[in-house]
Amino acid sequence: TTAANGVAEVMQPGVHGEVVTNAADVPRLASALA
């Protein structure tokens, strides 16, 4: 998900998933999914 989602503040990136700063940053989003 993104940092603009309140859930992101309770998640630990790399443990519960990934947090992308900007939704429109598609390369970063694709990398997080990969």
PDB file of all heavy atoms in Angstrom:
ATOM      1  N   THR A   1       0.846  -1.188   0.000  1.00  0.00           N
ATOM      2  CA  THR A   1       0.000   0.000   0.000  1.00  0.00           C
ATOM      3  C   THR A   1       0.885   1.243   0.000  1.00  0.00           C
ATOM      4  O   THR A   1       2.084   1.165  -0.292  1.00  0.00           O
ATOM      5  CB  THR A   1      -0.978  -0.023   1.192  1.00  0.00           C
ATOM      6  OG1 THR A   1      -1.924   1.048   1.055  1.00  0.00           O
ATOM      7  CG2 THR A   1      -0.256   0.085   2.522  1.00  0.00           C
ATOM      8  N   THR A   2       0.300   2.405   0.319  1.00  0.00           N
ATOM      9  CA  THR A   2       1.035   3.665   0.269  1.00  0.00           C
ATOM     10  C   THR A   2       1.079   4.329   1.638  1.00  0.00           C
ATOM     11  O   THR A   2       0.317   3.986   2.545  1.00  0.00           O
ATOM     12  CB  THR A   2       0.380   4.647  -0.723  1.00  0.00           C
ATOM     13  OG1 THR A   2      -0.918   5.032  -0.215  1.00  0.00           O
ATOM     14  CG2 THR A   2       0.219   4.021  -2.101  1.00  0.00           C
ATOM     15  N   ALA A   3       1.947   5.324   1.755  1.00  0.00           N
ATOM     16  CA  ALA A   3       2.067   6.074   3.002  1.00  0.00           C
ATOM     17  C   ALA A   3       0.844   6.941   3.260  1.00  0.00           C
ATOM     18  O   ALA A   3       0.666   7.441   4.380  1.00  0.00           O
ATOM     19  CB  ALA A   3       3.322   6.940   2.965  1.00  0.00           C
ATOM     20  N   ALA A   4      -0.018   7.118   2.262  1.00  0.00           N
ATOM     21  CA  ALA A   4      -1.248   7.888   2.435  1.00  0.00           C
ATOM     22  C   ALA A   4      -2.382   7.029   2.965  1.00  0.00           C
ATOM     23  O   ALA A   4      -3.539   7.439   2.932  1.00  0.00           O
ATOM     24  CB  ALA A   4      -1.656   8.519   1.103  1.00  0.00           C
ATOM     25  N   ASN A   5      -2.066   5.842   3.444  1.00  0.00           N
ATOM     26  CA  ASN A   5      -3.033   4.921   4.048  1.00  0.00           C
ATOM     27  C   ASN A   5      -2.681   4.796   5.526  1.00  0.00           C
ATOM     28  O   ASN A   5      -1.546   4.449   5.880  1.00  0.00           O
ATOM     29  CB  ASN A   5      -2.944   3.559   3.352  1.00  0.00           C
ATOM     30  CG  ASN A   5      -3.952   2.546   3.869  1.00  0.00           C
ATOM     31  OD1 ASN A   5      -4.666   2.794   4.837  1.00  0.00           O
ATOM     32  ND2 ASN A   5      -3.998   1.397   3.233  1.00  0.00           N
ATOM     33  N   GLY A   6      -3.651   5.068   6.423  1.00  0.00           N
ATOM     34  CA  GLY A   6      -3.384   4.988   7.847  1.00  0.00           C
ATOM     35  C   GLY A   6      -2.871   3.639   8.297  1.00  0.00           C
ATOM     36  O   GLY A   6      -2.150   3.544   9.302  1.00  0.00           O
ATOM     37  N   VAL A   7      -3.214   2.567   7.589  1.00  0.00           N
ATOM     38  CA  VAL A   7      -2.722   1.236   7.941  1.00  0.00           C
ATOM     39  C   VAL A   7      -1.197   1.188   7.888  1.00  0.00           C
ATOM     40  O   VAL A   7      -0.558   0.446   8.640  1.00  0.00           O
ATOM     41  CB  VAL A   7      -3.332   0.171   7.004  1.00  0.00           C
ATOM     42  CG1 VAL A   7      -2.629  -1.172   7.161  1.00  0.00           C
ATOM     43  CG2 VAL A   7      -4.811   0.000   7.295  1.00  0.00           C
ATOM     44  N   ALA A   8      -0.596   1.990   7.008  1.00  0.00           N
ATOM     45  CA  ALA A   8       0.854   1.948   6.827  1.00  0.00           C
ATOM     46  C   ALA A   8       1.595   2.269   8.113  1.00  0.00           C
ATOM     47  O   ALA A   8       2.710   1.778   8.330  1.00  0.00           O
ATOM     48  CB  ALA A   8       1.268   2.917   5.720  1.00  0.00           C
ATOM     49  N   GLU A   9       0.986   3.076   8.986  1.00  0.00           N
ATOM     50  CA  GLU A   9       1.694   3.463  10.210  1.00  0.00           C
ATOM     51  C   GLU A   9       1.761   2.349  11.243  1.00  0.00           C
ATOM     52  O   GLU A   9       2.529   2.461  12.205  1.00  0.00           O
ATOM     53  CB  GLU A   9       1.045   4.721  10.810  1.00  0.00           C
ATOM     54  CG  GLU A   9      -0.349   4.554  11.335  1.00  0.00           C
ATOM     55  CD  GLU A   9      -1.042   5.887  11.583  1.00  0.00           C
ATOM     56  OE1 GLU A   9      -0.836   6.833  10.784  1.00  0.00           O
ATOM     57  OE2 GLU A   9      -1.782   6.002  12.572  1.00  0.00           O
ATOM     58  N   VAL A  10       0.992   1.280  11.068  1.00  0.00           N
ATOM     59  CA  VAL A  10       1.078   0.150  11.999  1.00  0.00           C
ATOM     60  C   VAL A  10       1.807  -1.038  11.366  1.00  0.00           C
ATOM     61  O   VAL A  10       2.053  -2.040  12.038  1.00  0.00           O
ATOM     62  CB  VAL A  10      -0.322  -0.284  12.482  1.00  0.00           C
ATOM     63  CG1 VAL A  10      -1.052   0.880  13.114  1.00  0.00           C
ATOM     64  CG2 VAL A  10      -1.147  -0.907  11.368  1.00  0.00           C
ATOM     65  N   MET A  11       2.128  -0.952  10.088  1.00  0.00           N
ATOM     66  CA  MET A  11       2.839  -2.018   9.390  1.00  0.00           C
ATOM     67  C   MET A  11       4.351  -1.840   9.518  1.00  0.00           C
ATOM     68  O   MET A  11       4.840  -0.721   9.653  1.00  0.00           O
ATOM     69  CB  MET A  11       2.473  -2.032   7.900  1.00  0.00           C
ATOM     70  CG  MET A  11       1.068  -2.477   7.572  1.00  0.00           C
ATOM     71  SD  MET A  11       0.700  -2.257   5.804  1.00  0.00           S
ATOM     72  CE  MET A  11       2.091  -3.093   5.019  1.00  0.00           C
ATOM     73  N   GLN A  12       5.070  -2.923   9.443  1.00  0.00           N
ATOM     74  CA  GLN A  12       6.525  -2.897   9.345  1.00  0.00           C
ATOM     75  C   GLN A  12       6.907  -3.335   7.938  1.00  0.00           C
ATOM     76  O   GLN A  12       6.761  -4.508   7.587  1.00  0.00           O
ATOM     77  CB  GLN A  12       7.168  -3.821  10.384  1.00  0.00           C
ATOM     78  CG  GLN A  12       8.688  -3.748  10.382  1.00  0.00           C
ATOM     79  CD  GLN A  12       9.314  -4.613  11.458  1.00  0.00           C
ATOM     80  OE1 GLN A  12       8.634  -5.041  12.391  1.00  0.00           O
ATOM     81  NE2 GLN A  12      10.610  -4.887  11.336  1.00  0.00           N
ATOM     82  N   PRO A  13       7.380  -2.400   7.099  1.00  0.00           N
ATOM     83  CA  PRO A  13       7.755  -2.769   5.728  1.00  0.00           C
ATOM     84  C   PRO A  13       8.783  -3.886   5.721  1.00  0.00           C
ATOM     85  O   PRO A  13       9.710  -3.920   6.526  1.00  0.00           O
ATOM     86  CB  PRO A  13       8.340  -1.465   5.167  1.00  0.00           C
ATOM     87  CG  PRO A  13       7.691  -0.383   5.977  1.00  0.00           C
ATOM     88  CD  PRO A  13       7.548  -0.961   7.355  1.00  0.00           C
ATOM     89  N   GLY A  14       8.585  -4.817   4.805  1.00  0.00           N
ATOM     90  CA  GLY A  14       9.453  -5.967   4.718  1.00  0.00           C
ATOM     91  C   GLY A  14       9.009  -7.125   5.579  1.00  0.00           C
ATOM     92  O   GLY A  14       9.473  -8.253   5.388  1.00  0.00           O
ATOM     93  N   VAL A  15       8.112  -6.856   6.523  1.00  0.00           N
ATOM     94  CA  VAL A  15       7.584  -7.902   7.410  1.00  0.00           C
ATOM     95  C   VAL A  15       6.125  -8.181   7.108  1.00  0.00           C
ATOM     96  O   VAL A  15       5.707  -9.325   6.961  1.00  0.00           O
ATOM     97  CB  VAL A  15       7.753  -7.508   8.894  1.00  0.00           C
ATOM     98  CG1 VAL A  15       7.118  -8.558   9.807  1.00  0.00           C
ATOM     99  CG2 VAL A  15       9.234  -7.330   9.234  1.00  0.00           C
ATOM    100  N   HIS A  16       5.335  -7.112   7.003  1.00  0.00           N
ATOM    101  CA  HIS A  16       3.900  -7.237   6.745  1.00  0.00           C
ATOM    102  C   HIS A  16       3.534  -6.851   5.317  1.00  0.00           C
ATOM    103  O   HIS A  16       2.347  -6.822   4.984  1.00  0.00           O
ATOM    104  CB  HIS A  16       3.114  -6.354   7.720  1.00  0.00           C
ATOM    105  CG  HIS A  16       3.463  -6.594   9.154  1.00  0.00           C
ATOM    106  ND1 HIS A  16       4.090  -5.646   9.931  1.00  0.00           N
ATOM    107  CD2 HIS A  16       3.273  -7.682   9.942  1.00  0.00           C
ATOM    108  CE1 HIS A  16       4.276  -6.137  11.149  1.00  0.00           C
ATOM    109  NE2 HIS A  16       3.800  -7.362  11.178  1.00  0.00           N
ATOM    110  N   GLY A  17       4.518  -6.543   4.500  1.00  0.00           N
ATOM    111  CA  GLY A  17       4.286  -6.087   3.134  1.00  0.00           C
ATOM    112  C   GLY A  17       5.231  -4.951   2.819  1.00  0.00           C
ATOM    113  O   GLY A  17       6.349  -4.892   3.331  1.00  0.00           O
ATOM    114  N   GLU A  18       4.770  -4.007   1.993  1.00  0.00           N
ATOM    115  CA  GLU A  18       5.593  -2.861   1.622  1.00  0.00           C
ATOM    116  C   GLU A  18       4.747  -1.594   1.623  1.00  0.00           C
ATOM    117  O   GLU A  18       3.531  -1.645   1.393  1.00  0.00           O
ATOM    118  CB  GLU A  18       6.200  -3.054   0.228  1.00  0.00           C
ATOM    119  CG  GLU A  18       7.099  -4.274   0.079  1.00  0.00           C
ATOM    120  CD  GLU A  18       8.380  -4.172   0.882  1.00  0.00           C
ATOM    121  OE1 GLU A  18       8.760  -3.052   1.298  1.00  0.00           O
ATOM    122  OE2 GLU A  18       9.014  -5.220   1.104  1.00  0.00           O
ATOM    123  N   VAL A  19       5.401  -0.457   1.866  1.00  0.00           N
ATOM    124  CA  VAL A  19       4.748   0.851   1.849  1.00  0.00           C
ATOM    125  C   VAL A  19       5.456   1.727   0.822  1.00  0.00           C
ATOM    126  O   VAL A  19       6.661   1.984   0.944  1.00  0.00           O
ATOM    127  CB  VAL A  19       4.788   1.518   3.236  1.00  0.00           C
ATOM    128  CG1 VAL A  19       4.167   2.919   3.164  1.00  0.00           C
ATOM    129  CG2 VAL A  19       4.060   0.661   4.261  1.00  0.00           C
ATOM    130  N   VAL A  20       4.716   2.150  -0.188  1.00  0.00           N
ATOM    131  CA  VAL A  20       5.237   3.012  -1.245  1.00  0.00           C
ATOM    132  C   VAL A  20       4.857   4.454  -0.921  1.00  0.00           C
ATOM    133  O   VAL A  20       3.719   4.725  -0.502  1.00  0.00           O
ATOM    134  CB  VAL A  20       4.664   2.592  -2.610  1.00  0.00           C
ATOM    135  CG1 VAL A  20       5.158   3.506  -3.720  1.00  0.00           C
ATOM    136  CG2 VAL A  20       5.029   1.144  -2.914  1.00  0.00           C
ATOM    137  N   THR A  21       5.783   5.370  -1.098  1.00  0.00           N
ATOM    138  CA  THR A  21       5.518   6.768  -0.726  1.00  0.00           C
ATOM    139  C   THR A  21       4.424   7.383  -1.576  1.00  0.00           C
ATOM    140  O   THR A  21       3.493   8.020  -1.059  1.00  0.00           O
ATOM    141  CB  THR A  21       6.810   7.601  -0.859  1.00  0.00           C
ATOM    142  OG1 THR A  21       7.814   7.038  -0.014  1.00  0.00           O
ATOM    143  CG2 THR A  21       6.564   9.049  -0.448  1.00  0.00           C
ATOM    144  N   ASN A  22       4.474   7.189  -2.879  1.00  0.00           N
ATOM    145  CA  ASN A  22       3.562   7.851  -3.808  1.00  0.00           C
ATOM    146  C   ASN A  22       2.856   6.810  -4.671  1.00  0.00           C
ATOM    147  O   ASN A  22       3.523   5.986  -5.315  1.00  0.00           O
ATOM    148  CB  ASN A  22       4.341   8.840  -4.691  1.00  0.00           C
ATOM    149  CG  ASN A  22       3.458   9.667  -5.603  1.00  0.00           C
ATOM    150  OD1 ASN A  22       2.250   9.427  -5.701  1.00  0.00           O
ATOM    151  ND2 ASN A  22       4.041  10.643  -6.260  1.00  0.00           N
ATOM    152  N   ALA A  23       1.547   6.860  -4.708  1.00  0.00           N
ATOM    153  CA  ALA A  23       0.782   5.890  -5.494  1.00  0.00           C
ATOM    154  C   ALA A  23       1.145   5.935  -6.969  1.00  0.00           C
ATOM    155  O   ALA A  23       1.107   4.911  -7.659  1.00  0.00           O
ATOM    156  CB  ALA A  23      -0.714   6.146  -5.321  1.00  0.00           C
ATOM    157  N   ALA A  24       1.490   7.123  -7.472  1.00  0.00           N
ATOM    158  CA  ALA A  24       1.786   7.284  -8.900  1.00  0.00           C
ATOM    159  C   ALA A  24       3.185   6.804  -9.267  1.00  0.00           C
ATOM    160  O   ALA A  24       3.531   6.781 -10.456  1.00  0.00           O
ATOM    161  CB  ALA A  24       1.629   8.750  -9.298  1.00  0.00           C
ATOM    162  N   ASP A  25       3.991   6.408  -8.292  1.00  0.00           N
ATOM    163  CA  ASP A  25       5.328   5.894  -8.575  1.00  0.00           C
ATOM    164  C   ASP A  25       5.201   4.419  -8.970  1.00  0.00           C
ATOM    165  O   ASP A  25       5.459   3.512  -8.175  1.00  0.00           O
ATOM    166  CB  ASP A  25       6.214   6.065  -7.335  1.00  0.00           C
ATOM    167  CG  ASP A  25       7.679   5.718  -7.608  1.00  0.00           C
ATOM    168  OD1 ASP A  25       7.972   5.178  -8.700  1.00  0.00           O
ATOM    169  OD2 ASP A  25       8.519   5.973  -6.725  1.00  0.00           O
ATOM    170  N   VAL A  26       4.796   4.198 -10.205  1.00  0.00           N
ATOM    171  CA  VAL A  26       4.499   2.846 -10.673  1.00  0.00           C
ATOM    172  C   VAL A  26       5.727   1.940 -10.658  1.00  0.00           C
ATOM    173  O   VAL A  26       5.624   0.768 -10.257  1.00  0.00           O
ATOM    174  CB  VAL A  26       3.849   2.891 -12.069  1.00  0.00           C
ATOM    175  CG1 VAL A  26       3.656   1.484 -12.631  1.00  0.00           C
ATOM    176  CG2 VAL A  26       2.495   3.608 -11.983  1.00  0.00           C
ATOM    177  N   PRO A  27       6.917   2.401 -11.065  1.00  0.00           N
ATOM    178  CA  PRO A  27       8.090   1.515 -10.975  1.00  0.00           C
ATOM    179  C   PRO A  27       8.359   1.039  -9.546  1.00  0.00           C
ATOM    180  O   PRO A  27       8.687  -0.132  -9.337  1.00  0.00           O
ATOM    181  CB  PRO A  27       9.226   2.389 -11.513  1.00  0.00           C
ATOM    182  CG  PRO A  27       8.556   3.356 -12.422  1.00  0.00           C
ATOM    183  CD  PRO A  27       7.244   3.654 -11.780  1.00  0.00           C
ATOM    184  N   ARG A  28       8.222   1.945  -8.572  1.00  0.00           N
ATOM    185  CA  ARG A  28       8.431   1.541  -7.183  1.00  0.00           C
ATOM    186  C   ARG A  28       7.338   0.579  -6.738  1.00  0.00           C
ATOM    187  O   ARG A  28       7.598  -0.378  -5.999  1.00  0.00           O
ATOM    188  CB  ARG A  28       8.420   2.790  -6.279  1.00  0.00           C
ATOM    189  CG  ARG A  28       8.563   2.491  -4.800  1.00  0.00           C
ATOM    190  CD  ARG A  28       9.936   1.968  -4.449  1.00  0.00           C
ATOM    191  NE  ARG A  28      10.027   1.588  -3.053  1.00  0.00           N
ATOM    192  CZ  ARG A  28       9.763   0.392  -2.576  1.00  0.00           C
ATOM    193  NH1 ARG A  28       9.397  -0.582  -3.411  1.00  0.00           N
ATOM    194  NH2 ARG A  28       9.876   0.123  -1.293  1.00  0.00           N
ATOM    195  N   LEU A  29       6.128   0.803  -7.169  1.00  0.00           N
ATOM    196  CA  LEU A  29       5.024  -0.093  -6.824  1.00  0.00           C
ATOM    197  C   LEU A  29       5.250  -1.474  -7.425  1.00  0.00           C
ATOM    198  O   LEU A  29       5.066  -2.501  -6.749  1.00  0.00           O
ATOM    199  CB  LEU A  29       3.710   0.499  -7.320  1.00  0.00           C
ATOM    200  CG  LEU A  29       2.433  -0.318  -7.063  1.00  0.00           C
ATOM    201  CD1 LEU A  29       2.211  -0.536  -5.570  1.00  0.00           C
ATOM    202  CD2 LEU A  29       1.226   0.377  -7.685  1.00  0.00           C
ATOM    203  N   ALA A  30       5.665  -1.518  -8.683  1.00  0.00           N
ATOM    204  CA  ALA A  30       5.926  -2.802  -9.331  1.00  0.00           C
ATOM    205  C   ALA A  30       7.066  -3.538  -8.634  1.00  0.00           C
ATOM    206  O   ALA A  30       7.014  -4.764  -8.458  1.00  0.00           O
ATOM    207  CB  ALA A  30       6.263  -2.575 -10.809  1.00  0.00           C
ATOM    208  N   SER A  31       8.085  -2.794  -8.214  1.00  0.00           N
ATOM    209  CA  SER A  31       9.201  -3.404  -7.494  1.00  0.00           C
ATOM    210  C   SER A  31       8.743  -3.982  -6.159  1.00  0.00           C
ATOM    211  O   SER A  31       9.182  -5.069  -5.766  1.00  0.00           O
ATOM    212  CB  SER A  31      10.298  -2.363  -7.274  1.00  0.00           C
ATOM    213  OG  SER A  31      11.353  -2.883  -6.493  1.00  0.00           O
ATOM    214  N   ALA A  32       7.846  -3.263  -5.463  1.00  0.00           N
ATOM    215  CA  ALA A  32       7.331  -3.755  -4.181  1.00  0.00           C
ATOM    216  C   ALA A  32       6.530  -5.038  -4.373  1.00  0.00           C
ATOM    217  O   ALA A  32       6.625  -5.977  -3.571  1.00  0.00           O
ATOM    218  CB  ALA A  32       6.473  -2.677  -3.523  1.00  0.00           C
ATOM    219  N   LEU A  33       5.740  -5.088  -5.435  1.00  0.00           N
ATOM    220  CA  LEU A  33       4.974  -6.305  -5.716  1.00  0.00           C
ATOM    221  C   LEU A  33       5.898  -7.466  -6.072  1.00  0.00           C
ATOM    222  O   LEU A  33       5.720  -8.592  -5.599  1.00  0.00           O
ATOM    223  CB  LEU A  33       3.992  -6.045  -6.865  1.00  0.00           C
ATOM    224  CG  LEU A  33       2.845  -5.076  -6.585  1.00  0.00           C
ATOM    225  CD1 LEU A  33       2.076  -4.779  -7.864  1.00  0.00           C
ATOM    226  CD2 LEU A  33       1.909  -5.645  -5.521  1.00  0.00           C
ATOM    227  N   ALA A  34       6.911  -7.192  -6.904  1.00  0.00           N
ATOM    228  CA  ALA A  34       7.833  -8.240  -7.329  1.00  0.00           C
ATOM    229  C   ALA A  34       8.560  -8.855  -6.139  1.00  0.00           C
ATOM    230  O   ALA A  34       8.853 -10.061  -6.132  1.00  0.00           O
ATOM    231  CB  ALA A  34       8.835  -7.665  -8.330  1.00  0.00           C
TER     232      ALA A  34
END
